[in-house]
Amino acid sequence: MTTNNQTSIASLAKKRRTYSAEFKQQIVQACKAPDVSIASVALQHGLNTNLVS
């Protein structure tokens, strides 16, 4: 019975997101724009600021 519980817990774990090279490039270009903060770019794209900086 513990095997079933472990399987259930494993299936509930969140999977890591993967981002395409194009998406990453778009984020970088947006961060390079004048008078734009990295935090605002991250928030606009639904990302945590730590992922961008």
PDB file of N, CA and C in Angstrom:
ATOM      1  N   MET A   1       0.813  -1.193   0.000  1.00  0.00           N
ATOM      2  CA  MET A   1       0.000   0.000   0.000  1.00  0.00           C
ATOM      3  C   MET A   1       0.855   1.255   0.000  1.00  0.00           C
ATOM      4  N   THR A   2       2.036   1.236   0.571  1.00  0.00           N
ATOM      5  CA  THR A   2       2.892   2.419   0.547  1.00  0.00           C
ATOM      6  C   THR A   2       3.362   2.737  -0.867  1.00  0.00           C
ATOM      7  N   THR A   3       3.472   1.733  -1.696  1.00  0.00           N
ATOM      8  CA  THR A   3       3.872   1.970  -3.082  1.00  0.00           C
ATOM      9  C   THR A   3       2.846   2.837  -3.801  1.00  0.00           C
ATOM     10  N   ASN A   4       1.569   2.575  -3.582  1.00  0.00           N
ATOM     11  CA  ASN A   4       0.525   3.384  -4.201  1.00  0.00           C
ATOM     12  C   ASN A   4       0.587   4.833  -3.731  1.00  0.00           C
ATOM     13  N   ASN A   5       0.851   5.042  -2.444  1.00  0.00           N
ATOM     14  CA  ASN A   5       0.954   6.403  -1.918  1.00  0.00           C
ATOM     15  C   ASN A   5       2.137   7.138  -2.524  1.00  0.00           C
ATOM     16  N   GLN A   6       3.260   6.464  -2.669  1.00  0.00           N
ATOM     17  CA  GLN A   6       4.439   7.092  -3.254  1.00  0.00           C
ATOM     18  C   GLN A   6       4.192   7.439  -4.711  1.00  0.00           C
ATOM     19  N   THR A   7       3.511   6.584  -5.423  1.00  0.00           N
ATOM     20  CA  THR A   7       3.190   6.857  -6.818  1.00  0.00           C
ATOM     21  C   THR A   7       2.271   8.058  -6.928  1.00  0.00           C
ATOM     22  N   SER A   8       1.303   8.156  -6.051  1.00  0.00           N
ATOM     23  CA  SER A   8       0.374   9.283  -6.063  1.00  0.00           C
ATOM     24  C   SER A   8       1.092  10.590  -5.784  1.00  0.00           C
ATOM     25  N   ILE A   9       1.989  10.579  -4.836  1.00  0.00           N
ATOM     26  CA  ILE A   9       2.736  11.788  -4.500  1.00  0.00           C
ATOM     27  C   ILE A   9       3.625  12.196  -5.668  1.00  0.00           C
ATOM     28  N   ALA A  10       4.277  11.246  -6.289  1.00  0.00           N
ATOM     29  CA  ALA A  10       5.154  11.550  -7.411  1.00  0.00           C
ATOM     30  C   ALA A  10       4.377  12.130  -8.580  1.00  0.00           C
ATOM     31  N   SER A  11       3.174  11.671  -8.801  1.00  0.00           N
ATOM     32  CA  SER A  11       2.398  12.171  -9.929  1.00  0.00           C
ATOM     33  C   SER A  11       1.866  13.576  -9.675  1.00  0.00           C
ATOM     34  N   LEU A  12       1.816  14.009  -8.420  1.00  0.00           N
ATOM     35  CA  LEU A  12       1.344  15.347  -8.093  1.00  0.00           C
ATOM     36  C   LEU A  12       2.453  16.398  -8.156  1.00  0.00           C
ATOM     37  N   ALA A  13       3.697  15.965  -8.242  1.00  0.00           N
ATOM     38  CA  ALA A  13       4.815  16.900  -8.270  1.00  0.00           C
ATOM     39  C   ALA A  13       4.759  17.761  -9.523  1.00  0.00           C
ATOM     40  N   LYS A  14       5.128  19.028  -9.358  1.00  0.00           N
ATOM     41  CA  LYS A  14       5.127  19.945 -10.496  1.00  0.00           C
ATOM     42  C   LYS A  14       6.304  19.633 -11.408  1.00  0.00           C
ATOM     43  N   LYS A  15       6.070  19.769 -12.697  1.00  0.00           N
ATOM     44  CA  LYS A  15       7.137  19.565 -13.664  1.00  0.00           C
ATOM     45  C   LYS A  15       7.797  20.903 -13.951  1.00  0.00           C
ATOM     46  N   ARG A  16       9.076  20.860 -14.296  1.00  0.00           N
ATOM     47  CA  ARG A  16       9.796  22.077 -14.638  1.00  0.00           C
ATOM     48  C   ARG A  16       9.333  22.596 -15.986  1.00  0.00           C
ATOM     49  N   ARG A  17       9.178  23.874 -16.072  1.00  0.00           N
ATOM     50  CA  ARG A  17       8.828  24.491 -17.347  1.00  0.00           C
ATOM     51  C   ARG A  17      10.065  24.559 -18.223  1.00  0.00           C
ATOM     52  N   THR A  18       9.860  24.454 -19.503  1.00  0.00           N
ATOM     53  CA  THR A  18      10.947  24.675 -20.448  1.00  0.00           C
ATOM     54  C   THR A  18      10.534  25.802 -21.377  1.00  0.00           C
ATOM     55  N   TYR A  19      11.474  26.641 -21.724  1.00  0.00           N
ATOM     56  CA  TYR A  19      11.208  27.797 -22.564  1.00  0.00           C
ATOM     57  C   TYR A  19      12.018  27.680 -23.847  1.00  0.00           C
ATOM     58  N   SER A  20      11.402  28.058 -24.941  1.00  0.00           N
ATOM     59  CA  SER A  20      12.082  27.980 -26.231  1.00  0.00           C
ATOM     60  C   SER A  20      13.170  29.047 -26.314  1.00  0.00           C
ATOM     61  N   ALA A  21      14.108  28.833 -27.205  1.00  0.00           N
ATOM     62  CA  ALA A  21      15.179  29.806 -27.420  1.00  0.00           C
ATOM     63  C   ALA A  21      14.604  31.138 -27.885  1.00  0.00           C
ATOM     64  N   GLU A  22      13.547  31.087 -28.681  1.00  0.00           N
ATOM     65  CA  GLU A  22      12.918  32.316 -29.171  1.00  0.00           C
ATOM     66  C   GLU A  22      12.309  33.117 -28.019  1.00  0.00           C
ATOM     67  N   PHE A  23      11.651  32.420 -27.097  1.00  0.00           N
ATOM     68  CA  PHE A  23      11.049  33.090 -25.941  1.00  0.00           C
ATOM     69  C   PHE A  23      12.135  33.732 -25.087  1.00  0.00           C
ATOM     70  N   LYS A  24      13.222  33.009 -24.855  1.00  0.00           N
ATOM     71  CA  LYS A  24      14.320  33.544 -24.057  1.00  0.00           C
ATOM     72  C   LYS A  24      14.914  34.780 -24.717  1.00  0.00           C
ATOM     73  N   GLN A  25      15.081  34.725 -26.025  1.00  0.00           N
ATOM     74  CA  GLN A  25      15.628  35.868 -26.755  1.00  0.00           C
ATOM     75  C   GLN A  25      14.694  37.069 -26.650  1.00  0.00           C
ATOM     76  N   GLN A  26      13.403  36.826 -26.713  1.00  0.00           N
ATOM     77  CA  GLN A  26      12.411  37.896 -26.588  1.00  0.00           C
ATOM     78  C   GLN A  26      12.527  38.569 -25.216  1.00  0.00           C
ATOM     79  N   ILE A  27      12.708  37.781 -24.183  1.00  0.00           N
ATOM     80  CA  ILE A  27      12.839  38.324 -22.831  1.00  0.00           C
ATOM     81  C   ILE A  27      14.109  39.164 -22.720  1.00  0.00           C
ATOM     82  N   VAL A  28      15.205  38.659 -23.253  1.00  0.00           N
ATOM     83  CA  VAL A  28      16.475  39.389 -23.198  1.00  0.00           C
ATOM     84  C   VAL A  28      16.353  40.722 -23.926  1.00  0.00           C
ATOM     85  N   GLN A  29      15.760  40.710 -25.111  1.00  0.00           N
ATOM     86  CA  GLN A  29      15.599  41.946 -25.874  1.00  0.00           C
ATOM     87  C   GLN A  29      14.710  42.936 -25.128  1.00  0.00           C
ATOM     88  N   ALA A  30      13.673  42.451 -24.497  1.00  0.00           N
ATOM     89  CA  ALA A  30      12.784  43.333 -23.738  1.00  0.00           C
ATOM     90  C   ALA A  30      13.523  43.960 -22.557  1.00  0.00           C
ATOM     91  N   CYS A  31      14.420  43.217 -21.937  1.00  0.00           N
ATOM     92  CA  CYS A  31      15.189  43.738 -20.804  1.00  0.00           C
ATOM     93  C   CYS A  31      16.207  44.785 -21.238  1.00  0.00           C
ATOM     94  N   LYS A  32      16.658  44.716 -22.479  1.00  0.00           N
ATOM     95  CA  LYS A  32      17.645  45.667 -22.992  1.00  0.00           C
ATOM     96  C   LYS A  32      17.033  47.008 -23.385  1.00  0.00           C
ATOM     97  N   ALA A  33      15.726  47.077 -23.464  1.00  0.00           N
ATOM     98  CA  ALA A  33      15.061  48.323 -23.856  1.00  0.00           C
ATOM     99  C   ALA A  33      15.331  49.407 -22.807  1.00  0.00           C
ATOM    100  N   PRO A  34      15.471  50.665 -23.267  1.00  0.00           N
ATOM    101  CA  PRO A  34      15.724  51.748 -22.311  1.00  0.00           C
ATOM    102  C   PRO A  34      14.514  51.986 -21.400  1.00  0.00           C
ATOM    103  N   ASP A  35      14.813  52.361 -20.178  1.00  0.00           N
ATOM    104  CA  ASP A  35      13.792  52.700 -19.180  1.00  0.00           C
ATOM    105  C   ASP A  35      12.824  51.559 -18.874  1.00  0.00           C
ATOM    106  N   VAL A  36      13.309  50.319 -18.953  1.00  0.00           N
ATOM    107  CA  VAL A  36      12.484  49.153 -18.633  1.00  0.00           C
ATOM    108  C   VAL A  36      13.195  48.367 -17.537  1.00  0.00           C
ATOM    109  N   SER A  37      12.470  48.008 -16.498  1.00  0.00           N
ATOM    110  CA  SER A  37      13.077  47.224 -15.424  1.00  0.00           C
ATOM    111  C   SER A  37      12.933  45.732 -15.718  1.00  0.00           C
ATOM    112  N   ILE A  38      13.894  44.979 -15.242  1.00  0.00           N
ATOM    113  CA  ILE A  38      13.859  43.528 -15.415  1.00  0.00           C
ATOM    114  C   ILE A  38      12.630  42.954 -14.720  1.00  0.00           C
ATOM    115  N   ALA A  39      12.304  43.498 -13.560  1.00  0.00           N
ATOM    116  CA  ALA A  39      11.140  43.012 -12.814  1.00  0.00           C
ATOM    117  C   ALA A  39       9.855  43.205 -13.608  1.00  0.00           C
ATOM    118  N   SER A  40       9.724  44.334 -14.284  1.00  0.00           N
ATOM    119  CA  SER A  40       8.498  44.574 -15.056  1.00  0.00           C
ATOM    120  C   SER A  40       8.395  43.626 -16.245  1.00  0.00           C
ATOM    121  N   VAL A  41       9.519  43.344 -16.892  1.00  0.00           N
ATOM    122  CA  VAL A  41       9.522  42.393 -18.011  1.00  0.00           C
ATOM    123  C   VAL A  41       9.125  41.011 -17.504  1.00  0.00           C
ATOM    124  N   ALA A  42       9.699  40.612 -16.387  1.00  0.00           N
ATOM    125  CA  ALA A  42       9.380  39.299 -15.813  1.00  0.00           C
ATOM    126  C   ALA A  42       7.897  39.197 -15.492  1.00  0.00           C
ATOM    127  N   LEU A  43       7.352  40.204 -14.849  1.00  0.00           N
ATOM    128  CA  LEU A  43       5.938  40.180 -14.476  1.00  0.00           C
ATOM    129  C   LEU A  43       5.028  40.158 -15.697  1.00  0.00           C
ATOM    130  N   GLN A  44       5.386  40.885 -16.738  1.00  0.00           N
ATOM    131  CA  GLN A  44       4.577  40.916 -17.958  1.00  0.00           C
ATOM    132  C   GLN A  44       4.494  39.546 -18.613  1.00  0.00           C
ATOM    133  N   HIS A  45       5.534  38.743 -18.419  1.00  0.00           N
ATOM    134  CA  HIS A  45       5.581  37.425 -19.051  1.00  0.00           C
ATOM    135  C   HIS A  45       5.273  36.293 -18.076  1.00  0.00           C
ATOM    136  N   GLY A  46       4.833  36.638 -16.871  1.00  0.00           N
ATOM    137  CA  GLY A  46       4.457  35.617 -15.897  1.00  0.00           C
ATOM    138  C   GLY A  46       5.629  34.850 -15.323  1.00  0.00           C
ATOM    139  N   LEU A  47       6.790  35.502 -15.241  1.00  0.00           N
ATOM    140  CA  LEU A  47       7.991  34.855 -14.728  1.00  0.00           C
ATOM    141  C   LEU A  47       8.378  35.453 -13.389  1.00  0.00           C
ATOM    142  N   ASN A  48       9.092  34.679 -12.595  1.00  0.00           N
ATOM    143  CA  ASN A  48       9.675  35.196 -11.377  1.00  0.00           C
ATOM    144  C   ASN A  48      10.897  36.012 -11.767  1.00  0.00           C
ATOM    145  N   THR A  49      11.104  37.136 -11.116  1.00  0.00           N
ATOM    146  CA  THR A  49      12.234  38.007 -11.441  1.00  0.00           C
ATOM    147  C   THR A  49      13.564  37.270 -11.335  1.00  0.00           C
ATOM    148  N   ASN A  50      13.673  36.330 -10.417  1.00  0.00           N
ATOM    149  CA  ASN A  50      14.917  35.574 -10.254  1.00  0.00           C
ATOM    150  C   ASN A  50      15.264  34.751 -11.491  1.00  0.00           C
ATOM    151  N   LEU A  51      14.283  34.385 -12.286  1.00  0.00           N
ATOM    152  CA  LEU A  51      14.559  33.625 -13.500  1.00  0.00           C
ATOM    153  C   LEU A  51      15.153  34.495 -14.590  1.00  0.00           C
ATOM    154  N   VAL A  52      14.890  35.793 -14.518  1.00  0.00           N
ATOM    155  CA  VAL A  52      15.331  36.701 -15.574  1.00  0.00           C
ATOM    156  C   VAL A  52      16.661  37.347 -15.230  1.00  0.00           C
ATOM    157  N   SER A  53      16.860  37.729 -13.977  1.00  0.00           N
ATOM    158  CA  SER A  53      18.083  38.445 -13.607  1.00  0.00           C
ATOM    159  C   SER A  53      19.272  37.529 -13.477  1.00  0.00           C
TER     160      SER A  53
END
